[in-house]
Amino acid sequence: MALLEWKDEYKTGVKEFDEHHRHLIYLLNKAYDDLQNGSLADTLDTLLDEMIDYAIYHFRAEESWMEEHQFPLHEKHRQEHARFMSRVSDLHTDFLCGEKKINLEVLAFMKNWVEQHILISDAEYGRFHSQS
């Protein structure tokens, strides 16, 4: 069972970013599956690094697109990305220092943020894109 299933309502109309979102959901589901199967401890550091690296790649691509297309909510969107990355980086650091385990609560935070960000913030640039 997946933590987050892809739905058509996640589509922004920007094909590149829809593909990125699908991959982010795949990574979240991989972490969830590993947690459920008890193998998360073996793969977590690598998986977290991959998730962080991919999120950075995705956020940069979105922000570059927004700047290029003069999306009026670009700065607000960039700040949301920065807050998320700060929180995920803190969680990763805590994990590496042995201060916190990655559990369902952490994955639920990430799932909820990604889902709400796509449905609300990314939908804004989707509407902007369809009007241009």
N, C-alpha and C. Protein backbone atom coordinates (compact mmCIF):
# COMPACT_ATOMS: atom_id res chain seq x y z
N MET A 1 0.84 -1.19 0.00
CA MET A 1 0.00 0.00 0.00
C MET A 1 0.89 1.25 0.00
N ALA A 2 0.53 2.18 -0.82
CA ALA A 2 1.33 3.40 -0.97
C ALA A 2 0.95 4.43 0.10
N LEU A 3 1.91 5.23 0.48
CA LEU A 3 1.66 6.35 1.38
C LEU A 3 0.89 7.45 0.66
N LEU A 4 1.22 7.64 -0.60
CA LEU A 4 0.60 8.69 -1.40
C LEU A 4 0.43 8.19 -2.83
N GLU A 5 -0.80 8.16 -3.29
CA GLU A 5 -1.10 7.71 -4.65
C GLU A 5 -1.17 8.92 -5.58
N TRP A 6 -0.63 8.79 -6.79
CA TRP A 6 -0.73 9.84 -7.78
C TRP A 6 -2.18 10.01 -8.20
N LYS A 7 -2.62 11.26 -8.28
CA LYS A 7 -3.98 11.58 -8.73
C LYS A 7 -3.88 12.62 -9.84
N ASP A 8 -4.84 12.61 -10.74
CA ASP A 8 -4.84 13.60 -11.81
C ASP A 8 -4.91 15.03 -11.28
N GLU A 9 -5.50 15.21 -10.11
CA GLU A 9 -5.61 16.56 -9.56
C GLU A 9 -4.25 17.14 -9.17
N TYR A 10 -3.20 16.31 -9.15
CA TYR A 10 -1.85 16.81 -8.88
C TYR A 10 -1.21 17.43 -10.11
N LYS A 11 -1.79 17.21 -11.27
CA LYS A 11 -1.20 17.74 -12.50
C LYS A 11 -1.26 19.26 -12.51
N THR A 12 -0.12 19.85 -12.88
CA THR A 12 -0.03 21.31 -12.96
C THR A 12 -0.20 21.81 -14.39
N GLY A 13 -0.03 20.91 -15.34
CA GLY A 13 -0.05 21.32 -16.73
C GLY A 13 1.34 21.63 -17.26
N VAL A 14 2.33 21.60 -16.40
CA VAL A 14 3.73 21.75 -16.80
C VAL A 14 4.32 20.34 -16.72
N LYS A 15 4.45 19.71 -17.88
CA LYS A 15 4.79 18.28 -17.94
C LYS A 15 6.05 17.94 -17.13
N GLU A 16 7.09 18.74 -17.27
CA GLU A 16 8.34 18.49 -16.56
C GLU A 16 8.11 18.39 -15.04
N PHE A 17 7.32 19.30 -14.51
CA PHE A 17 7.11 19.32 -13.06
C PHE A 17 6.15 18.23 -12.61
N ASP A 18 5.22 17.87 -13.46
CA ASP A 18 4.35 16.74 -13.13
C ASP A 18 5.18 15.46 -13.02
N GLU A 19 6.16 15.31 -13.91
CA GLU A 19 7.06 14.15 -13.84
C GLU A 19 7.91 14.21 -12.58
N HIS A 20 8.39 15.39 -12.21
CA HIS A 20 9.16 15.55 -10.97
C HIS A 20 8.30 15.15 -9.78
N HIS A 21 7.06 15.63 -9.76
CA HIS A 21 6.17 15.32 -8.64
C HIS A 21 5.93 13.81 -8.52
N ARG A 22 5.76 13.16 -9.66
CA ARG A 22 5.59 11.70 -9.65
C ARG A 22 6.81 11.03 -9.02
N HIS A 23 8.00 11.52 -9.35
CA HIS A 23 9.21 10.92 -8.80
C HIS A 23 9.33 11.19 -7.29
N LEU A 24 8.98 12.38 -6.86
CA LEU A 24 9.00 12.67 -5.42
C LEU A 24 8.04 11.75 -4.67
N ILE A 25 6.87 11.53 -5.24
CA ILE A 25 5.89 10.62 -4.63
C ILE A 25 6.44 9.19 -4.61
N TYR A 26 7.12 8.80 -5.68
CA TYR A 26 7.75 7.48 -5.72
C TYR A 26 8.76 7.34 -4.57
N LEU A 27 9.59 8.34 -4.36
CA LEU A 27 10.60 8.29 -3.29
C LEU A 27 9.95 8.21 -1.92
N LEU A 28 8.89 8.99 -1.70
CA LEU A 28 8.17 8.90 -0.43
C LEU A 28 7.60 7.51 -0.23
N ASN A 29 7.01 6.95 -1.26
CA ASN A 29 6.43 5.61 -1.16
C ASN A 29 7.50 4.54 -0.94
N LYS A 30 8.67 4.74 -1.54
CA LYS A 30 9.78 3.81 -1.31
C LYS A 30 10.19 3.83 0.15
N ALA A 31 10.30 5.02 0.72
CA ALA A 31 10.66 5.13 2.14
C ALA A 31 9.58 4.49 3.01
N TYR A 32 8.33 4.72 2.68
CA TYR A 32 7.22 4.13 3.43
C TYR A 32 7.25 2.61 3.35
N ASP A 33 7.46 2.08 2.13
CA ASP A 33 7.54 0.62 1.96
C ASP A 33 8.69 0.05 2.77
N ASP A 34 9.83 0.71 2.73
CA ASP A 34 10.98 0.25 3.50
C ASP A 34 10.69 0.28 5.00
N LEU A 35 10.00 1.30 5.45
CA LEU A 35 9.62 1.39 6.87
C LEU A 35 8.69 0.23 7.23
N GLN A 36 7.71 -0.02 6.40
CA GLN A 36 6.75 -1.10 6.65
C GLN A 36 7.42 -2.47 6.64
N ASN A 37 8.44 -2.64 5.78
CA ASN A 37 9.12 -3.93 5.66
C ASN A 37 10.28 -4.09 6.63
N GLY A 38 10.54 -3.06 7.42
CA GLY A 38 11.62 -3.14 8.40
C GLY A 38 13.01 -2.97 7.82
N SER A 39 13.11 -2.57 6.56
CA SER A 39 14.44 -2.42 5.95
C SER A 39 14.86 -0.96 5.84
N LEU A 40 14.09 -0.07 6.43
CA LEU A 40 14.38 1.36 6.31
C LEU A 40 15.74 1.72 6.89
N ALA A 41 16.11 1.11 8.00
CA ALA A 41 17.38 1.45 8.64
C ALA A 41 18.56 1.21 7.70
N ASP A 42 18.46 0.17 6.87
CA ASP A 42 19.56 -0.15 5.96
C ASP A 42 19.67 0.83 4.80
N THR A 43 18.56 1.40 4.38
CA THR A 43 18.55 2.22 3.16
C THR A 43 18.28 3.69 3.41
N LEU A 44 17.98 4.04 4.65
CA LEU A 44 17.47 5.37 4.92
C LEU A 44 18.43 6.50 4.57
N ASP A 45 19.68 6.38 4.95
CA ASP A 45 20.60 7.48 4.70
C ASP A 45 20.70 7.75 3.21
N THR A 46 20.83 6.71 2.42
CA THR A 46 20.90 6.86 0.97
C THR A 46 19.60 7.43 0.42
N LEU A 47 18.48 6.92 0.91
CA LEU A 47 17.18 7.38 0.45
C LEU A 47 16.94 8.84 0.81
N LEU A 48 17.29 9.24 2.03
CA LEU A 48 17.14 10.64 2.43
C LEU A 48 18.01 11.55 1.56
N ASP A 49 19.24 11.13 1.32
CA ASP A 49 20.12 11.92 0.45
C ASP A 49 19.50 12.07 -0.93
N GLU A 50 18.96 10.98 -1.46
CA GLU A 50 18.34 11.04 -2.78
C GLU A 50 17.11 11.95 -2.78
N MET A 51 16.30 11.86 -1.73
CA MET A 51 15.10 12.71 -1.64
C MET A 51 15.49 14.17 -1.55
N ILE A 52 16.48 14.48 -0.74
CA ILE A 52 16.93 15.86 -0.57
C ILE A 52 17.52 16.38 -1.88
N ASP A 53 18.38 15.59 -2.50
CA ASP A 53 18.99 16.01 -3.76
C ASP A 53 17.93 16.23 -4.83
N TYR A 54 16.95 15.34 -4.90
CA TYR A 54 15.93 15.47 -5.92
C TYR A 54 15.03 16.68 -5.65
N ALA A 55 14.70 16.91 -4.38
CA ALA A 55 13.89 18.07 -4.02
C ALA A 55 14.62 19.36 -4.39
N ILE A 56 15.91 19.42 -4.12
CA ILE A 56 16.70 20.61 -4.50
C ILE A 56 16.66 20.81 -6.01
N TYR A 57 16.90 19.73 -6.75
CA TYR A 57 16.86 19.79 -8.21
C TYR A 57 15.49 20.29 -8.69
N HIS A 58 14.44 19.71 -8.15
CA HIS A 58 13.08 20.07 -8.54
C HIS A 58 12.77 21.53 -8.18
N PHE A 59 13.08 21.93 -6.96
CA PHE A 59 12.78 23.30 -6.54
C PHE A 59 13.53 24.32 -7.40
N ARG A 60 14.79 24.04 -7.71
CA ARG A 60 15.55 24.96 -8.57
C ARG A 60 14.91 25.07 -9.95
N ALA A 61 14.48 23.93 -10.48
CA ALA A 61 13.85 23.94 -11.81
C ALA A 61 12.55 24.75 -11.77
N GLU A 62 11.74 24.53 -10.75
CA GLU A 62 10.49 25.30 -10.63
C GLU A 62 10.77 26.78 -10.49
N GLU A 63 11.70 27.12 -9.63
CA GLU A 63 11.99 28.53 -9.37
C GLU A 63 12.56 29.22 -10.61
N SER A 64 13.38 28.52 -11.36
CA SER A 64 13.91 29.06 -12.60
C SER A 64 12.78 29.28 -13.62
N TRP A 65 11.88 28.31 -13.71
CA TRP A 65 10.73 28.44 -14.61
C TRP A 65 9.87 29.63 -14.21
N MET A 66 9.62 29.78 -12.91
CA MET A 66 8.78 30.88 -12.42
C MET A 66 9.41 32.23 -12.73
N GLU A 67 10.71 32.31 -12.55
CA GLU A 67 11.41 33.56 -12.85
C GLU A 67 11.35 33.86 -14.35
N GLU A 68 11.62 32.85 -15.14
CA GLU A 68 11.61 33.00 -16.60
C GLU A 68 10.22 33.42 -17.11
N HIS A 69 9.17 32.90 -16.51
CA HIS A 69 7.81 33.20 -16.94
C HIS A 69 7.17 34.35 -16.15
N GLN A 70 7.95 34.97 -15.28
CA GLN A 70 7.49 36.11 -14.47
C GLN A 70 6.23 35.77 -13.66
N PHE A 71 6.27 34.62 -13.04
CA PHE A 71 5.17 34.19 -12.18
C PHE A 71 5.11 35.13 -10.98
N PRO A 72 3.97 35.78 -10.74
CA PRO A 72 3.90 36.81 -9.70
C PRO A 72 4.09 36.31 -8.27
N LEU A 73 3.87 35.02 -8.01
CA LEU A 73 4.02 34.49 -6.66
C LEU A 73 5.34 33.74 -6.48
N HIS A 74 6.30 34.05 -7.33
CA HIS A 74 7.59 33.37 -7.32
C HIS A 74 8.26 33.43 -5.96
N GLU A 75 8.34 34.60 -5.36
CA GLU A 75 9.06 34.75 -4.09
C GLU A 75 8.36 33.97 -2.97
N LYS A 76 7.06 34.03 -2.91
CA LYS A 76 6.31 33.26 -1.90
C LYS A 76 6.59 31.77 -2.07
N HIS A 77 6.59 31.31 -3.28
CA HIS A 77 6.84 29.90 -3.59
C HIS A 77 8.27 29.51 -3.17
N ARG A 78 9.22 30.37 -3.50
CA ARG A 78 10.62 30.11 -3.14
C ARG A 78 10.78 29.99 -1.63
N GLN A 79 10.09 30.84 -0.89
CA GLN A 79 10.15 30.80 0.57
C GLN A 79 9.56 29.50 1.13
N GLU A 80 8.50 29.00 0.52
CA GLU A 80 7.93 27.72 0.94
C GLU A 80 8.94 26.60 0.73
N HIS A 81 9.61 26.62 -0.40
CA HIS A 81 10.65 25.62 -0.67
C HIS A 81 11.75 25.71 0.38
N ALA A 82 12.19 26.92 0.68
CA ALA A 82 13.29 27.10 1.64
C ALA A 82 12.90 26.60 3.03
N ARG A 83 11.68 26.88 3.46
CA ARG A 83 11.23 26.40 4.78
C ARG A 83 11.18 24.88 4.82
N PHE A 84 10.68 24.28 3.76
CA PHE A 84 10.62 22.82 3.71
C PHE A 84 12.02 22.22 3.75
N MET A 85 12.92 22.75 2.94
CA MET A 85 14.28 22.21 2.90
C MET A 85 14.99 22.38 4.24
N SER A 86 14.74 23.47 4.92
CA SER A 86 15.32 23.68 6.24
C SER A 86 14.83 22.61 7.22
N ARG A 87 13.55 22.34 7.19
CA ARG A 87 12.97 21.33 8.09
C ARG A 87 13.49 19.93 7.76
N VAL A 88 13.55 19.59 6.48
CA VAL A 88 14.04 18.27 6.08
C VAL A 88 15.53 18.13 6.40
N SER A 89 16.29 19.19 6.20
CA SER A 89 17.72 19.16 6.54
C SER A 89 17.92 18.94 8.03
N ASP A 90 17.10 19.60 8.85
CA ASP A 90 17.17 19.40 10.30
C ASP A 90 16.86 17.95 10.66
N LEU A 91 15.84 17.38 10.05
CA LEU A 91 15.49 15.99 10.32
C LEU A 91 16.62 15.06 9.91
N HIS A 92 17.24 15.34 8.77
CA HIS A 92 18.33 14.51 8.29
C HIS A 92 19.52 14.60 9.23
N THR A 93 19.85 15.80 9.67
CA THR A 93 20.96 16.00 10.61
C THR A 93 20.70 15.26 11.91
N ASP A 94 19.47 15.39 12.43
CA ASP A 94 19.10 14.68 13.66
C ASP A 94 19.25 13.18 13.49
N PHE A 95 18.85 12.68 12.32
CA PHE A 95 18.98 11.25 12.04
C PHE A 95 20.45 10.84 12.03
N LEU A 96 21.28 11.61 11.33
CA LEU A 96 22.70 11.27 11.22
C LEU A 96 23.40 11.32 12.57
N CYS A 97 22.94 12.20 13.46
CA CYS A 97 23.53 12.32 14.79
C CYS A 97 22.94 11.31 15.78
N GLY A 98 21.98 10.55 15.32
CA GLY A 98 21.35 9.55 16.19
C GLY A 98 20.33 10.12 17.15
N GLU A 99 19.94 11.38 16.95
CA GLU A 99 19.00 12.02 17.86
C GLU A 99 17.55 11.74 17.53
N LYS A 100 17.29 11.30 16.32
CA LYS A 100 15.90 11.06 15.93
C LYS A 100 15.85 9.94 14.92
N LYS A 101 14.86 9.12 15.04
CA LYS A 101 14.63 8.06 14.07
C LYS A 101 13.62 8.54 13.05
N ILE A 102 13.77 8.08 11.84
CA ILE A 102 12.77 8.39 10.82
C ILE A 102 11.65 7.38 11.00
N ASN A 103 10.47 7.89 11.23
CA ASN A 103 9.33 7.02 11.48
C ASN A 103 8.14 7.51 10.66
N LEU A 104 7.01 6.90 10.92
CA LEU A 104 5.81 7.25 10.17
C LEU A 104 5.45 8.72 10.34
N GLU A 105 5.71 9.29 11.51
CA GLU A 105 5.41 10.70 11.75
C GLU A 105 6.20 11.61 10.80
N VAL A 106 7.47 11.30 10.61
CA VAL A 106 8.31 12.09 9.71
C VAL A 106 7.84 11.93 8.27
N LEU A 107 7.56 10.70 7.87
CA LEU A 107 7.08 10.46 6.51
C LEU A 107 5.71 11.11 6.29
N ALA A 108 4.87 11.10 7.31
CA ALA A 108 3.56 11.75 7.19
C ALA A 108 3.72 13.26 7.01
N PHE A 109 4.68 13.87 7.74
CA PHE A 109 4.95 15.29 7.57
C PHE A 109 5.35 15.57 6.12
N MET A 110 6.27 14.76 5.59
CA MET A 110 6.75 14.97 4.23
C MET A 110 5.62 14.75 3.22
N LYS A 111 4.86 13.71 3.41
CA LYS A 111 3.73 13.41 2.52
C LYS A 111 2.73 14.56 2.52
N ASN A 112 2.35 15.03 3.70
CA ASN A 112 1.37 16.11 3.80
C ASN A 112 1.89 17.39 3.17
N TRP A 113 3.16 17.70 3.40
CA TRP A 113 3.72 18.91 2.81
C TRP A 113 3.72 18.81 1.29
N VAL A 114 4.23 17.71 0.77
CA VAL A 114 4.30 17.55 -0.69
C VAL A 114 2.91 17.62 -1.30
N GLU A 115 1.97 16.90 -0.71
CA GLU A 115 0.61 16.88 -1.26
C GLU A 115 -0.02 18.27 -1.24
N GLN A 116 0.05 18.96 -0.11
CA GLN A 116 -0.56 20.28 0.00
C GLN A 116 0.16 21.30 -0.89
N HIS A 117 1.48 21.18 -0.98
CA HIS A 117 2.24 22.10 -1.81
C HIS A 117 1.84 21.94 -3.29
N ILE A 118 1.70 20.71 -3.74
CA ILE A 118 1.30 20.48 -5.13
C ILE A 118 -0.12 20.99 -5.36
N LEU A 119 -1.03 20.63 -4.46
CA LEU A 119 -2.44 20.97 -4.65
C LEU A 119 -2.73 22.46 -4.53
N ILE A 120 -1.95 23.17 -3.74
CA ILE A 120 -2.23 24.59 -3.50
C ILE A 120 -1.22 25.48 -4.23
N SER A 121 0.02 25.42 -3.83
CA SER A 121 1.03 26.34 -4.39
C SER A 121 1.37 26.03 -5.83
N ASP A 122 1.63 24.76 -6.12
CA ASP A 122 1.98 24.42 -7.50
C ASP A 122 0.78 24.59 -8.43
N ALA A 123 -0.41 24.38 -7.91
CA ALA A 123 -1.62 24.60 -8.72
C ALA A 123 -1.71 26.06 -9.16
N GLU A 124 -1.17 26.98 -8.34
CA GLU A 124 -1.19 28.40 -8.70
C GLU A 124 -0.38 28.65 -9.96
N TYR A 125 0.82 28.07 -10.05
CA TYR A 125 1.58 28.30 -11.28
C TYR A 125 0.99 27.50 -12.43
N GLY A 126 0.28 26.41 -12.13
CA GLY A 126 -0.42 25.68 -13.18
C GLY A 126 -1.50 26.52 -13.81
N ARG A 127 -2.28 27.21 -12.97
CA ARG A 127 -3.32 28.10 -13.49
C ARG A 127 -2.70 29.27 -14.26
N PHE A 128 -1.62 29.82 -13.73
CA PHE A 128 -0.91 30.91 -14.40
C PHE A 128 -0.42 30.45 -15.78
N HIS A 129 0.15 29.26 -15.84
CA HIS A 129 0.68 28.71 -17.08
C HIS A 129 -0.44 28.51 -18.11
N SER A 130 -1.59 28.03 -17.67
CA SER A 130 -2.69 27.77 -18.61
C SER A 130 -3.31 29.05 -19.14
N GLN A 131 -3.10 30.17 -18.43
CA GLN A 131 -3.65 31.46 -18.86
C GLN A 131 -2.70 32.22 -19.78
N SER A 132 -1.42 31.78 -19.80
CA SER A 132 -0.46 32.52 -20.62
C SER A 132 -0.45 32.04 -22.05
